[in-house]
N, C-alpha and C. Protein backbone atom coordinates (compact mmCIF):
# COMPACT_ATOMS: atom_id res chain seq x y z
N MET A 1 162.06 231.59 278.27
CA MET A 1 163.35 231.33 277.65
C MET A 1 163.22 231.58 276.15
N SER A 2 164.24 232.12 275.62
CA SER A 2 164.22 232.46 274.20
C SER A 2 164.70 231.31 273.32
N GLY A 3 165.10 230.22 273.94
CA GLY A 3 165.57 229.09 273.17
C GLY A 3 167.05 229.15 272.84
N ARG A 4 167.69 230.20 273.28
CA ARG A 4 169.13 230.33 273.04
C ARG A 4 169.89 229.61 274.14
N ARG A 5 170.90 228.95 273.72
CA ARG A 5 171.74 228.25 274.70
C ARG A 5 172.87 229.15 275.13
N PRO A 6 173.28 229.04 276.40
CA PRO A 6 174.39 229.88 276.86
C PRO A 6 175.70 229.40 276.23
N TYR A 7 176.62 230.34 276.12
CA TYR A 7 177.92 230.01 275.56
C TYR A 7 178.69 229.13 276.54
N VAL A 8 179.22 228.05 276.05
CA VAL A 8 180.03 227.15 276.85
C VAL A 8 181.41 227.10 276.20
N ARG A 9 182.41 227.53 276.96
CA ARG A 9 183.77 227.55 276.43
C ARG A 9 184.29 226.13 276.29
N ALA A 10 184.89 225.85 275.16
CA ALA A 10 185.47 224.53 274.92
C ALA A 10 186.67 224.34 275.83
N ILE A 11 186.79 223.16 276.37
CA ILE A 11 187.91 222.84 277.25
C ILE A 11 188.96 222.12 276.43
N ASP A 12 190.15 222.68 276.46
CA ASP A 12 191.26 222.06 275.74
C ASP A 12 191.75 220.88 276.56
N ARG A 13 191.60 219.71 276.04
CA ARG A 13 191.99 218.50 276.78
C ARG A 13 193.51 218.35 276.86
N TYR A 14 194.23 219.07 276.07
CA TYR A 14 195.68 218.95 276.06
C TYR A 14 196.32 220.12 276.79
N TRP A 15 195.94 220.27 278.05
CA TRP A 15 196.45 221.37 278.86
C TRP A 15 197.96 221.28 279.01
N TRP A 16 198.49 220.07 278.99
CA TRP A 16 199.92 219.87 279.17
C TRP A 16 200.73 220.37 277.99
N ALA A 17 200.07 220.65 276.87
CA ALA A 17 200.78 221.14 275.70
C ALA A 17 201.08 222.64 275.80
N HIS A 18 200.47 223.32 276.75
CA HIS A 18 200.69 224.75 276.93
C HIS A 18 201.64 224.95 278.10
N SER A 19 202.83 225.49 277.83
CA SER A 19 203.87 225.54 278.86
C SER A 19 203.46 226.26 280.15
N PRO A 20 202.70 227.35 280.12
CA PRO A 20 202.35 227.95 281.42
C PRO A 20 201.51 227.01 282.29
N TYR A 21 200.60 226.27 281.68
CA TYR A 21 199.77 225.34 282.44
C TYR A 21 200.59 224.17 282.95
N LEU A 22 201.48 223.67 282.10
CA LEU A 22 202.32 222.55 282.50
C LEU A 22 203.26 222.97 283.62
N GLY A 23 203.86 224.13 283.50
CA GLY A 23 204.76 224.62 284.55
C GLY A 23 204.04 224.78 285.87
N TYR A 24 202.83 225.34 285.82
CA TYR A 24 202.05 225.52 287.05
C TYR A 24 201.70 224.16 287.67
N THR A 25 201.30 223.22 286.84
CA THR A 25 200.92 221.90 287.35
C THR A 25 202.11 221.18 287.95
N VAL A 26 203.25 221.24 287.30
CA VAL A 26 204.46 220.59 287.83
C VAL A 26 204.86 221.25 289.14
N ARG A 27 204.81 222.59 289.19
CA ARG A 27 205.17 223.31 290.41
C ARG A 27 204.25 222.89 291.56
N GLU A 28 202.98 222.80 291.31
CA GLU A 28 202.05 222.39 292.37
C GLU A 28 202.23 220.93 292.75
N ALA A 29 202.58 220.09 291.79
CA ALA A 29 202.78 218.66 292.08
C ALA A 29 204.00 218.42 292.95
N THR A 30 204.96 219.33 292.94
CA THR A 30 206.14 219.15 293.78
C THR A 30 205.77 219.23 295.26
N GLY A 31 204.63 219.80 295.56
CA GLY A 31 204.15 219.80 296.95
C GLY A 31 203.92 218.39 297.46
N VAL A 32 203.63 217.46 296.55
CA VAL A 32 203.44 216.06 296.94
C VAL A 32 204.76 215.49 297.48
N ALA A 33 205.88 215.87 296.87
CA ALA A 33 207.19 215.41 297.36
C ALA A 33 207.46 215.96 298.75
N VAL A 34 207.13 217.21 298.96
CA VAL A 34 207.33 217.82 300.28
C VAL A 34 206.46 217.11 301.32
N ALA A 35 205.21 216.87 300.99
CA ALA A 35 204.31 216.18 301.92
C ALA A 35 204.77 214.73 302.14
N GLY A 36 205.21 214.07 301.08
CA GLY A 36 205.69 212.69 301.21
C GLY A 36 206.88 212.58 302.13
N TYR A 37 207.82 213.51 302.00
CA TYR A 37 208.98 213.47 302.87
C TYR A 37 208.58 213.78 304.32
N GLY A 38 207.62 214.66 304.48
CA GLY A 38 207.10 214.93 305.83
C GLY A 38 206.50 213.68 306.45
N ILE A 39 205.81 212.88 305.65
CA ILE A 39 205.23 211.62 306.14
C ILE A 39 206.34 210.65 306.54
N VAL A 40 207.41 210.59 305.75
CA VAL A 40 208.54 209.71 306.09
C VAL A 40 209.13 210.11 307.44
N LEU A 41 209.34 211.41 307.65
CA LEU A 41 209.90 211.88 308.92
C LEU A 41 208.94 211.63 310.08
N LEU A 42 207.66 211.86 309.85
CA LEU A 42 206.66 211.62 310.90
C LEU A 42 206.62 210.14 311.27
N SER A 43 206.73 209.27 310.27
CA SER A 43 206.73 207.84 310.58
C SER A 43 207.96 207.45 311.40
N GLY A 44 209.09 208.13 311.15
CA GLY A 44 210.28 207.88 311.96
C GLY A 44 210.08 208.27 313.41
N ILE A 45 209.43 209.40 313.63
CA ILE A 45 209.15 209.85 315.00
C ILE A 45 208.21 208.87 315.70
N ILE A 46 207.21 208.41 314.98
CA ILE A 46 206.26 207.44 315.56
C ILE A 46 206.98 206.14 315.89
N CYS A 47 207.84 205.66 314.99
CA CYS A 47 208.60 204.44 315.25
C CYS A 47 209.54 204.62 316.43
N LEU A 48 210.14 205.78 316.56
CA LEU A 48 211.02 206.07 317.69
C LEU A 48 210.23 206.01 319.00
N ALA A 49 209.02 206.51 318.98
CA ALA A 49 208.19 206.50 320.19
C ALA A 49 207.73 205.09 320.54
N ARG A 50 207.62 204.22 319.54
CA ARG A 50 207.15 202.84 319.79
C ARG A 50 208.23 201.92 320.34
N GLY A 51 209.47 202.32 320.24
CA GLY A 51 210.52 201.49 320.81
C GLY A 51 211.64 201.18 319.83
N GLU A 52 212.64 200.50 320.38
CA GLU A 52 213.84 200.23 319.61
C GLU A 52 213.59 199.33 318.40
N ALA A 53 212.74 198.32 318.56
CA ALA A 53 212.49 197.40 317.45
C ALA A 53 211.81 198.13 316.27
N ALA A 54 210.84 198.96 316.58
CA ALA A 54 210.14 199.70 315.52
C ALA A 54 211.08 200.69 314.85
N TYR A 55 211.91 201.35 315.64
CA TYR A 55 212.85 202.33 315.08
C TYR A 55 213.91 201.63 314.21
N THR A 56 214.38 200.48 314.64
CA THR A 56 215.35 199.71 313.85
C THR A 56 214.72 199.27 312.54
N ALA A 57 213.46 198.87 312.57
CA ALA A 57 212.77 198.48 311.33
C ALA A 57 212.65 199.68 310.39
N TRP A 58 212.40 200.85 310.94
CA TRP A 58 212.30 202.07 310.12
C TRP A 58 213.65 202.40 309.49
N ILE A 59 214.72 202.28 310.27
CA ILE A 59 216.06 202.51 309.75
C ILE A 59 216.38 201.50 308.66
N ASP A 60 215.99 200.24 308.85
CA ASP A 60 216.21 199.23 307.82
C ASP A 60 215.46 199.58 306.54
N PHE A 61 214.24 200.10 306.69
CA PHE A 61 213.48 200.54 305.52
C PHE A 61 214.21 201.67 304.80
N LEU A 62 214.78 202.59 305.55
CA LEU A 62 215.48 203.73 304.94
C LEU A 62 216.69 203.30 304.13
N THR A 63 217.29 202.16 304.47
CA THR A 63 218.47 201.70 303.75
C THR A 63 218.14 200.77 302.58
N SER A 64 216.86 200.51 302.37
CA SER A 64 216.47 199.63 301.25
C SER A 64 216.57 200.38 299.92
N ARG A 65 216.65 199.63 298.83
CA ARG A 65 216.74 200.23 297.50
C ARG A 65 215.52 201.08 297.19
N TRP A 66 214.35 200.60 297.58
CA TRP A 66 213.11 201.35 297.30
C TRP A 66 213.11 202.68 298.03
N SER A 67 213.59 202.66 299.25
CA SER A 67 213.63 203.90 300.03
C SER A 67 214.62 204.89 299.44
N VAL A 68 215.76 204.41 299.00
CA VAL A 68 216.75 205.31 298.39
C VAL A 68 216.18 205.92 297.11
N ALA A 69 215.52 205.10 296.30
CA ALA A 69 214.88 205.62 295.08
C ALA A 69 213.79 206.63 295.43
N LEU A 70 213.01 206.34 296.45
CA LEU A 70 211.96 207.25 296.89
C LEU A 70 212.55 208.57 297.38
N HIS A 71 213.64 208.49 298.13
CA HIS A 71 214.28 209.71 298.63
C HIS A 71 214.91 210.53 297.50
N LEU A 72 215.44 209.88 296.49
CA LEU A 72 215.98 210.61 295.34
C LEU A 72 214.85 211.35 294.60
N ALA A 73 213.69 210.68 294.47
CA ALA A 73 212.54 211.34 293.84
C ALA A 73 212.06 212.50 294.70
N PHE A 74 212.00 212.29 296.02
CA PHE A 74 211.61 213.38 296.93
C PHE A 74 212.61 214.54 296.85
N LEU A 75 213.90 214.22 296.78
CA LEU A 75 214.91 215.27 296.70
C LEU A 75 214.74 216.08 295.42
N ALA A 76 214.53 215.41 294.30
CA ALA A 76 214.32 216.12 293.03
C ALA A 76 213.09 217.02 293.12
N GLY A 77 212.01 216.48 293.69
CA GLY A 77 210.80 217.28 293.84
C GLY A 77 210.99 218.47 294.76
N MET A 78 211.72 218.27 295.85
CA MET A 78 211.92 219.36 296.81
C MET A 78 212.86 220.43 296.24
N VAL A 79 213.86 220.03 295.47
CA VAL A 79 214.73 221.02 294.84
C VAL A 79 213.93 221.85 293.83
N LEU A 80 213.13 221.18 293.01
CA LEU A 80 212.30 221.90 292.06
C LEU A 80 211.31 222.82 292.79
N HIS A 81 210.75 222.33 293.88
CA HIS A 81 209.82 223.12 294.68
C HIS A 81 210.51 224.37 295.23
N ALA A 82 211.72 224.21 295.76
CA ALA A 82 212.45 225.35 296.32
C ALA A 82 212.79 226.36 295.23
N VAL A 83 213.26 225.88 294.09
CA VAL A 83 213.63 226.80 293.01
C VAL A 83 212.41 227.58 292.53
N THR A 84 211.32 226.88 292.29
CA THR A 84 210.12 227.59 291.81
C THR A 84 209.56 228.50 292.89
N TRP A 85 209.67 228.11 294.15
CA TRP A 85 209.18 228.95 295.24
C TRP A 85 209.94 230.27 295.28
N PHE A 86 211.26 230.19 295.23
CA PHE A 86 212.06 231.41 295.30
C PHE A 86 211.98 232.24 294.02
N ARG A 87 211.62 231.61 292.89
CA ARG A 87 211.39 232.39 291.67
C ARG A 87 210.08 233.16 291.74
N ILE A 88 209.09 232.60 292.40
CA ILE A 88 207.78 233.24 292.51
C ILE A 88 207.75 234.27 293.63
N MET A 89 208.52 234.04 294.68
CA MET A 89 208.47 234.88 295.88
C MET A 89 208.55 236.38 295.60
N PRO A 90 209.52 236.88 294.81
CA PRO A 90 209.58 238.33 294.63
C PRO A 90 208.38 238.90 293.88
N LYS A 91 207.67 238.06 293.15
CA LYS A 91 206.49 238.53 292.41
C LYS A 91 205.27 238.66 293.32
N THR A 92 205.28 237.95 294.43
CA THR A 92 204.12 237.95 295.32
C THR A 92 204.29 238.83 296.55
N MET A 93 205.51 239.24 296.83
CA MET A 93 205.75 240.07 298.01
C MET A 93 205.72 241.55 297.64
N PRO A 94 205.52 242.40 298.63
CA PRO A 94 205.59 243.84 298.35
C PRO A 94 206.99 244.21 297.85
N ARG A 95 207.04 245.25 297.06
CA ARG A 95 208.32 245.69 296.51
C ARG A 95 209.28 246.04 297.63
N LEU A 96 210.48 245.50 297.56
CA LEU A 96 211.49 245.73 298.58
C LEU A 96 212.38 246.88 298.13
N VAL A 97 212.43 247.93 298.96
CA VAL A 97 213.22 249.11 298.62
C VAL A 97 214.33 249.27 299.65
N VAL A 98 215.57 249.36 299.17
CA VAL A 98 216.73 249.55 300.04
C VAL A 98 217.51 250.76 299.51
N GLY A 99 217.73 251.71 300.36
CA GLY A 99 218.47 252.90 299.95
C GLY A 99 217.78 253.69 298.86
N GLY A 100 216.47 253.66 298.85
CA GLY A 100 215.70 254.41 297.85
C GLY A 100 215.56 253.72 296.51
N GLU A 101 216.13 252.54 296.36
CA GLU A 101 216.03 251.81 295.09
C GLU A 101 215.42 250.44 295.31
N ALA A 102 214.62 250.01 294.35
CA ALA A 102 213.99 248.70 294.44
C ALA A 102 215.03 247.60 294.26
N VAL A 103 214.95 246.58 295.07
CA VAL A 103 215.85 245.43 294.96
C VAL A 103 215.38 244.58 293.78
N PRO A 104 216.27 244.24 292.84
CA PRO A 104 215.86 243.43 291.68
C PRO A 104 215.32 242.06 292.11
N GLN A 105 214.31 241.60 291.37
CA GLN A 105 213.71 240.31 291.68
C GLN A 105 214.72 239.17 291.59
N ARG A 106 215.62 239.25 290.64
CA ARG A 106 216.64 238.18 290.49
C ARG A 106 217.53 238.10 291.72
N LEU A 107 217.82 239.25 292.33
CA LEU A 107 218.66 239.25 293.52
C LEU A 107 217.93 238.60 294.69
N ILE A 108 216.65 238.89 294.83
CA ILE A 108 215.86 238.27 295.90
C ILE A 108 215.83 236.76 295.72
N THR A 109 215.62 236.31 294.48
CA THR A 109 215.60 234.88 294.19
C THR A 109 216.97 234.26 294.49
N ALA A 110 218.04 234.92 294.06
CA ALA A 110 219.40 234.39 294.28
C ALA A 110 219.71 234.29 295.77
N ILE A 111 219.32 235.28 296.55
CA ILE A 111 219.58 235.24 297.99
C ILE A 111 218.79 234.09 298.63
N GLY A 112 217.53 233.94 298.26
CA GLY A 112 216.72 232.85 298.81
C GLY A 112 217.30 231.48 298.49
N LEU A 113 217.72 231.29 297.24
CA LEU A 113 218.31 230.00 296.85
C LEU A 113 219.65 229.78 297.55
N SER A 114 220.42 230.85 297.73
CA SER A 114 221.70 230.72 298.43
C SER A 114 221.51 230.31 299.88
N VAL A 115 220.53 230.90 300.53
CA VAL A 115 220.25 230.54 301.93
C VAL A 115 219.77 229.09 302.01
N ALA A 116 218.93 228.68 301.07
CA ALA A 116 218.45 227.29 301.06
C ALA A 116 219.61 226.32 300.83
N ALA A 117 220.51 226.65 299.89
CA ALA A 117 221.67 225.80 299.63
C ALA A 117 222.60 225.74 300.83
N ALA A 118 222.82 226.88 301.48
CA ALA A 118 223.68 226.91 302.68
C ALA A 118 223.06 226.07 303.79
N SER A 119 221.76 226.15 303.94
CA SER A 119 221.08 225.34 304.96
C SER A 119 221.26 223.85 304.68
N PHE A 120 221.19 223.47 303.41
CA PHE A 120 221.36 222.08 303.02
C PHE A 120 222.78 221.61 303.34
N VAL A 121 223.78 222.44 303.05
CA VAL A 121 225.17 222.08 303.34
C VAL A 121 225.38 221.96 304.85
N ILE A 122 224.84 222.89 305.61
CA ILE A 122 224.96 222.83 307.07
C ILE A 122 224.31 221.55 307.59
N MET A 123 223.17 221.18 307.03
CA MET A 123 222.49 219.96 307.45
C MET A 123 223.35 218.72 307.14
N LEU A 124 223.98 218.70 305.97
CA LEU A 124 224.84 217.56 305.62
C LEU A 124 226.05 217.47 306.54
N VAL A 125 226.67 218.61 306.84
CA VAL A 125 227.83 218.62 307.72
C VAL A 125 227.42 218.16 309.12
N ALA A 126 226.28 218.65 309.60
CA ALA A 126 225.80 218.25 310.94
C ALA A 126 225.49 216.76 310.99
N ALA A 127 224.87 216.25 309.91
CA ALA A 127 224.55 214.82 309.88
C ALA A 127 225.82 213.97 309.88
N LYS A 128 226.81 214.39 309.09
CA LYS A 128 228.08 213.65 309.06
C LYS A 128 228.76 213.70 310.42
N TRP A 129 228.74 214.86 311.06
CA TRP A 129 229.35 215.01 312.38
C TRP A 129 228.63 214.14 313.42
N MET A 130 227.31 214.08 313.35
CA MET A 130 226.55 213.28 314.30
C MET A 130 226.76 211.79 314.10
N LEU A 131 226.97 211.38 312.86
CA LEU A 131 227.13 209.96 312.57
C LEU A 131 228.56 209.46 312.81
N SER A 132 229.50 210.38 312.97
CA SER A 132 230.88 209.93 313.17
C SER A 132 231.21 209.74 314.64
């Protein structure tokens, strides 16, 4: 050994101060909301399988203040997740060519968000219809 130390890059402890890093971290953290809501739905299926008393307890939990606050946080996370997903999608997929011309990335993002919004509206209408 020559006595020289290898170069060690300094780690910036304030990663959150750099917008690309913060944006990436927030985008990845929204996956927690998606997973959390999946756990809520899975617990409902398990309670349904255990019987009427367990399912009623789960429904009572869903109507509590804490559950409503949790669902609002999940909704915010899932909306952010969907928006960032559809913004990234055209950058990661092969170039889409229609009629000999490339489809603009903004159009792909707009179509994806429109389909997601339409699906949400259809889900709300179906839920209202089922509950009436």
